[in-house]
Amino acid sequence: MNLHSFFNNTILDLTIERVITFFIKAILIYAITQITVSVTKYLFRRSQRRKSVAFLDKTTVGFIQRIVVYALYIVGTAIFLSLIPGMEKVSSSILAGAGIMAMAIGFASQEALSNIIGGMFIVFAKPFRIGDSIKIDEVVNGTVSEITLRHTIIRSLDNRMIIIPNSKINSSTIVNSTIGEQDTCSFIEVGVSYETDLNKAINVMREEIMKHPKLIDRRTPEEKQEGNPQVVIRVTELGNSAITLKAWAWASNAGDAFVLKCDLLKLIKERFDKEKIEIPYPYSNVIVKK
């Protein structure tokens, strides 16, 4: 049997030559697709190192890269399917059912499409970026870890991954502690009894706050010249059982502000105990009628 006769042999009504040609084309399509995807990923990684191009930040590059890679795989799959014998015969059936399929896909993918469009708004409008510290609807608080086509992943303060659909984030209230100035004001509130010397309590609070290493000075040169205090403390409420003193203490970022507040609540409590300044418990008068 010569080589020509061997290639003319049939397997399931297909010649060996045609089967070999199919596999060669399939391998080529797979190889070209993988090479194209690898080159695309390399180009995107390279673009991230170009600091001079402000548009190509980590968030934008990662989002666009996923879209391009998915598109390349879809194109490769479509070309591969076109090689399968007999697919041309069912083309009329596919066209006939295209309308029904399009309608079904449209209903099924409404949420997915809204998430993808929401992701595009996030990437290009930039309410936050990867690495930003954000708070969503006063419920979710953490650092943006990843922005995908459908959802955003946030690493919470207790190191948990919170996955939120992009469409939901776009309709939420977002507090971004990373955009703009990162200086953060920490509000420190302490209640004292009505018998307390308020000036003494305010001075004690100010002394403890001024000692903290994370405290920063936000006063302007004019305010310093006028003698305005670095830490402002005011009476904010005359409550049922206590007078509330509120201090405005600034730190360089949200994390430092949280530590500042926690430390000072402890230090002020200990200092009040030494100075015999009472922090009263809430109490109620009960009248018993005989």
Protein backbone atom coordinates (compact mmCIF):
# COMPACT_ATOMS: atom_id res chain seq x y z
CA MET A 1 0.00 0.00 0.00
CA ASN A 2 1.48 3.29 -1.10
CA LEU A 3 1.13 6.58 0.80
CA HIS A 4 -1.58 7.91 -1.52
CA SER A 5 -3.72 4.80 -0.96
CA PHE A 6 -3.21 5.06 2.81
CA PHE A 7 -4.49 8.63 2.90
CA ASN A 8 -7.51 7.66 0.81
CA ASN A 9 -8.68 5.08 3.36
CA THR A 10 -11.83 6.12 5.21
CA ILE A 11 -12.74 6.24 8.92
CA LEU A 12 -16.44 6.82 9.61
CA ASP A 13 -16.91 8.05 6.04
CA LEU A 14 -13.94 10.43 6.40
CA THR A 15 -10.64 9.92 4.62
CA ILE A 16 -7.50 9.66 6.72
CA GLU A 17 -6.14 12.67 4.87
CA ARG A 18 -9.14 14.74 5.90
CA VAL A 19 -8.92 13.58 9.55
CA ILE A 20 -5.22 14.43 9.73
CA THR A 21 -5.88 17.80 8.11
CA PHE A 22 -8.63 18.50 10.67
CA PHE A 23 -6.35 17.71 13.60
CA ILE A 24 -3.49 19.78 12.15
CA LYS A 25 -5.81 22.76 11.71
CA ALA A 26 -7.27 22.30 15.22
CA ILE A 27 -3.77 22.19 16.75
CA LEU A 28 -2.76 25.29 14.78
CA ILE A 29 -5.89 27.14 15.90
CA TYR A 30 -5.23 26.16 19.51
CA ALA A 31 -1.56 27.14 19.31
CA ILE A 32 -2.26 30.48 17.62
CA THR A 33 -5.01 31.27 20.14
CA GLN A 34 -2.75 30.47 23.11
CA ILE A 35 0.17 32.43 21.63
CA THR A 36 -2.11 35.41 20.95
CA VAL A 37 -3.48 35.30 24.50
CA SER A 38 0.04 35.06 25.96
CA VAL A 39 1.26 37.98 23.84
CA THR A 40 -1.81 40.02 24.84
CA LYS A 41 -1.21 39.36 28.56
CA TYR A 42 2.46 40.31 28.13
CA LEU A 43 1.54 43.58 26.42
CA PHE A 44 -0.91 44.45 29.17
CA ARG A 45 1.66 43.65 31.87
CA ARG A 46 4.16 45.82 30.03
CA SER A 47 1.66 48.68 29.79
CA GLN A 48 1.22 48.61 33.57
CA ARG A 49 4.89 49.48 33.98
CA ARG A 50 4.47 52.67 31.94
CA LYS A 51 3.89 55.16 34.72
CA SER A 52 3.81 58.04 32.24
CA VAL A 53 0.43 56.87 30.86
CA ALA A 54 -2.08 57.79 33.56
CA PHE A 55 -4.94 55.96 31.80
CA LEU A 56 -3.18 52.60 32.03
CA ASP A 57 -3.48 52.08 35.76
CA LYS A 58 -3.72 48.63 37.34
CA THR A 59 -7.52 48.66 37.53
CA THR A 60 -8.10 49.66 33.89
CA VAL A 61 -5.47 47.30 32.47
CA GLY A 62 -6.78 44.30 34.41
CA PHE A 63 -10.38 44.92 33.35
CA ILE A 64 -9.64 45.47 29.64
CA GLN A 65 -7.27 42.48 29.61
CA ARG A 66 -10.07 40.14 30.66
CA ILE A 67 -12.37 41.43 27.93
CA VAL A 68 -9.70 40.98 25.23
CA VAL A 69 -8.68 37.50 26.44
CA TYR A 70 -12.31 36.31 26.56
CA ALA A 71 -12.86 37.69 23.05
CA LEU A 72 -9.79 35.84 21.73
CA TYR A 73 -10.99 32.54 23.21
CA ILE A 74 -14.45 33.06 21.70
CA VAL A 75 -12.96 33.75 18.26
CA GLY A 76 -10.68 30.69 18.53
CA THR A 77 -13.62 28.49 19.56
CA ALA A 78 -15.73 29.80 16.68
CA ILE A 79 -12.99 29.06 14.13
CA PHE A 80 -12.52 25.56 15.56
CA LEU A 81 -16.24 24.77 15.34
CA SER A 82 -16.22 25.80 11.68
CA LEU A 83 -13.82 22.90 10.96
CA ILE A 84 -16.23 20.21 12.21
CA PRO A 85 -17.80 18.40 9.26
CA GLY A 86 -21.54 18.74 9.01
CA MET A 87 -21.81 22.04 10.81
CA GLU A 88 -22.75 23.69 7.53
CA LYS A 89 -25.79 21.41 7.30
CA VAL A 90 -27.27 22.63 10.57
CA SER A 91 -26.67 26.31 9.78
CA SER A 92 -30.24 26.74 8.56
CA SER A 93 -31.59 25.29 11.82
CA ILE A 94 -29.35 27.60 13.83
CA LEU A 95 -30.54 30.62 11.83
CA ALA A 96 -34.16 29.58 12.27
CA GLY A 97 -33.77 29.38 16.03
CA ALA A 98 -31.57 32.47 16.29
CA GLY A 99 -34.48 34.73 17.15
CA ILE A 100 -35.67 32.52 20.01
CA MET A 101 -32.12 32.00 21.25
CA ALA A 102 -31.37 35.71 21.15
CA MET A 103 -34.50 36.46 23.16
CA ALA A 104 -33.68 33.76 25.73
CA ILE A 105 -30.08 34.91 26.02
CA GLY A 106 -31.25 38.50 26.36
CA PHE A 107 -33.51 37.69 29.30
CA ALA A 108 -30.94 35.38 30.90
CA SER A 109 -28.05 37.82 30.57
CA GLN A 110 -29.71 41.05 31.70
CA GLU A 111 -28.07 40.90 35.11
CA ALA A 112 -24.71 39.82 33.68
CA LEU A 113 -24.75 42.65 31.13
CA SER A 114 -25.68 45.20 33.79
CA ASN A 115 -22.74 43.99 35.88
CA ILE A 116 -20.36 44.25 32.92
CA ILE A 117 -21.57 47.76 32.09
CA GLY A 118 -21.34 48.61 35.80
CA GLY A 119 -17.75 47.36 35.78
CA MET A 120 -16.96 49.64 32.84
CA PHE A 121 -18.38 52.62 34.71
CA ILE A 122 -16.20 51.74 37.71
CA VAL A 123 -13.06 51.34 35.61
CA PHE A 124 -13.42 54.51 33.55
CA ALA A 125 -15.18 56.82 36.04
CA LYS A 126 -12.82 55.62 38.80
CA PRO A 127 -14.90 56.10 41.98
CA PHE A 128 -12.31 53.70 43.40
CA ARG A 129 -9.35 51.66 42.19
CA ILE A 130 -7.56 48.49 43.23
CA GLY A 131 -5.87 49.14 46.55
CA ASP A 132 -8.28 51.88 47.67
CA SER A 133 -9.80 51.75 51.14
CA ILE A 134 -13.57 52.19 50.78
CA LYS A 135 -16.83 51.89 52.69
CA ILE A 136 -20.05 50.91 50.87
CA ASP A 137 -23.43 51.93 52.30
CA GLU A 138 -21.93 52.08 55.80
CA VAL A 139 -21.98 48.25 55.77
CA VAL A 140 -18.98 46.93 53.82
CA ASN A 141 -15.60 48.33 54.81
CA GLY A 142 -12.25 47.21 53.40
CA THR A 143 -9.68 47.40 50.61
CA VAL A 144 -10.48 46.84 46.92
CA SER A 145 -8.71 43.62 45.93
CA GLU A 146 -9.96 42.99 42.38
CA ILE A 147 -12.41 44.34 39.80
CA THR A 148 -13.71 41.69 37.37
CA LEU A 149 -16.24 41.80 34.54
CA ARG A 150 -19.13 40.92 36.85
CA HIS A 151 -18.17 41.82 40.40
CA THR A 152 -15.78 43.66 42.69
CA ILE A 153 -13.87 41.84 45.42
CA ILE A 154 -13.21 43.70 48.66
CA ARG A 155 -10.90 42.46 51.41
CA SER A 156 -12.57 43.32 54.71
CA LEU A 157 -10.76 44.47 57.85
CA ASP A 158 -10.98 40.91 59.24
CA ASN A 159 -9.32 39.54 56.06
CA ARG A 160 -12.50 38.16 54.43
CA MET A 161 -13.21 38.45 50.71
CA ILE A 162 -16.52 40.22 50.05
CA ILE A 163 -17.86 39.78 46.49
CA ILE A 164 -20.32 42.45 45.34
CA PRO A 165 -21.96 42.67 41.86
CA ASN A 166 -20.82 45.74 39.93
CA SER A 167 -24.40 46.86 39.25
CA LYS A 168 -25.11 46.97 43.00
CA ILE A 169 -21.97 48.98 43.73
CA ASN A 170 -22.92 51.60 41.13
CA SER A 171 -26.18 52.27 42.98
CA SER A 172 -24.52 52.42 46.41
CA THR A 173 -23.03 55.26 48.45
CA ILE A 174 -19.25 54.89 48.47
CA VAL A 175 -16.86 56.54 50.92
CA ASN A 176 -13.33 56.43 49.48
CA SER A 177 -10.64 57.16 52.07
CA THR A 178 -7.83 57.01 49.48
CA ILE A 179 -8.93 59.61 46.91
CA GLY A 180 -7.68 63.13 47.57
CA GLU A 181 -6.35 64.09 50.97
CA GLN A 182 -6.01 61.13 53.32
CA ASP A 183 -5.95 63.16 56.53
CA THR A 184 -8.79 61.86 58.70
CA CYS A 185 -10.51 63.45 61.67
CA SER A 186 -11.23 61.21 64.64
CA PHE A 187 -14.15 62.26 66.83
CA ILE A 188 -13.56 61.41 70.48
CA GLU A 189 -16.64 61.74 72.70
CA VAL A 190 -16.60 61.33 76.47
CA GLY A 191 -19.43 61.97 78.95
CA VAL A 192 -18.74 63.63 82.31
CA SER A 193 -21.02 64.25 85.28
CA TYR A 194 -22.82 67.55 85.86
CA GLU A 195 -20.66 68.21 88.94
CA THR A 196 -17.46 68.15 86.83
CA ASP A 197 -15.30 71.23 86.29
CA LEU A 198 -15.63 71.35 82.51
CA ASN A 199 -12.51 73.45 81.94
CA LYS A 200 -10.44 70.93 83.90
CA ALA A 201 -11.93 67.98 81.99
CA ILE A 202 -11.28 69.70 78.65
CA ASN A 203 -7.66 70.47 79.58
CA VAL A 204 -7.08 66.87 80.70
CA MET A 205 -8.51 65.53 77.42
CA ARG A 206 -6.40 67.92 75.38
CA GLU A 207 -3.22 66.97 77.26
CA GLU A 208 -3.76 63.26 76.61
CA ILE A 209 -4.58 63.80 72.95
CA MET A 210 -1.54 66.03 72.39
CA LYS A 211 0.75 63.26 73.70
CA HIS A 212 -0.34 60.72 71.07
CA PRO A 213 2.31 60.13 68.34
CA LYS A 214 -0.26 59.72 65.54
CA LEU A 215 -1.79 63.16 66.09
CA ILE A 216 -1.08 65.67 63.28
CA ASP A 217 -1.45 69.45 63.15
CA ARG A 218 -3.98 70.64 60.56
CA ARG A 219 -3.93 74.30 61.51
CA THR A 220 -3.10 76.93 58.92
CA PRO A 221 -0.30 79.44 59.62
CA GLU A 222 -2.97 82.07 60.31
CA GLU A 223 -4.71 79.82 62.85
CA LYS A 224 -1.40 79.13 64.58
CA GLN A 225 -0.64 82.84 64.70
CA GLU A 226 -4.05 83.54 66.22
CA GLY A 227 -3.36 80.94 68.92
CA ASN A 228 -6.12 78.50 67.94
CA PRO A 229 -5.68 75.14 69.75
CA GLN A 230 -4.44 72.16 67.75
CA VAL A 231 -7.15 69.99 69.31
CA VAL A 232 -10.61 71.53 69.48
CA ILE A 233 -12.85 70.26 72.29
CA ARG A 234 -16.44 71.44 72.74
CA VAL A 235 -19.54 70.60 74.75
CA THR A 236 -21.93 68.96 72.29
CA GLU A 237 -24.78 67.68 74.46
CA LEU A 238 -26.39 68.09 77.86
CA GLY A 239 -27.72 64.57 78.26
CA ASN A 240 -29.96 62.94 80.83
CA SER A 241 -27.06 61.84 83.00
CA ALA A 242 -23.91 63.29 81.42
CA ILE A 243 -22.39 66.27 79.64
CA THR A 244 -20.79 65.15 76.35
CA LEU A 245 -17.36 66.52 75.48
CA LYS A 246 -16.30 66.05 71.85
CA ALA A 247 -12.71 66.38 70.60
CA TRP A 248 -11.58 66.76 66.97
CA ALA A 249 -8.24 64.95 66.58
CA TRP A 250 -6.57 64.53 63.16
CA ALA A 251 -4.44 61.63 61.89
CA SER A 252 -2.63 61.11 58.58
CA ASN A 253 -5.01 58.36 57.34
CA ALA A 254 -8.13 56.39 58.28
CA GLY A 255 -6.17 53.55 59.87
CA ASP A 256 -4.19 55.88 62.11
CA ALA A 257 -7.38 57.74 63.02
CA PHE A 258 -8.97 54.48 64.21
CA VAL A 259 -5.92 53.60 66.33
CA LEU A 260 -5.81 57.17 67.65
CA LYS A 261 -9.42 57.02 68.82
CA CYS A 262 -9.09 53.59 70.47
CA ASP A 263 -5.90 54.57 72.32
CA LEU A 264 -7.27 57.89 73.52
CA LEU A 265 -10.51 56.47 74.87
CA LYS A 266 -8.43 54.23 77.11
CA LEU A 267 -5.92 56.95 78.08
CA ILE A 268 -8.61 59.53 78.82
CA LYS A 269 -10.54 57.05 80.98
CA GLU A 270 -7.40 56.25 83.00
CA ARG A 271 -6.50 59.94 83.33
CA PHE A 272 -10.04 60.85 84.43
CA ASP A 273 -9.82 58.19 87.14
CA LYS A 274 -6.61 59.76 88.46
CA GLU A 275 -8.05 63.28 88.34
CA LYS A 276 -11.30 62.14 90.04
CA ILE A 277 -13.36 63.19 87.01
CA GLU A 278 -16.50 61.09 86.93
CA ILE A 279 -17.77 59.38 83.79
CA PRO A 280 -21.33 58.67 85.00
CA TYR A 281 -23.45 55.61 84.37
CA PRO A 282 -26.93 56.20 82.91
CA TYR A 283 -29.48 56.01 85.68
CA SER A 284 -33.23 56.28 86.09
CA ASN A 285 -35.50 57.31 88.96
CA VAL A 286 -38.21 54.79 89.72
CA ILE A 287 -41.28 56.06 91.58
CA VAL A 288 -43.33 53.41 93.36
CA LYS A 289 -46.87 54.44 94.29
CA LYS A 290 -48.38 52.81 97.38
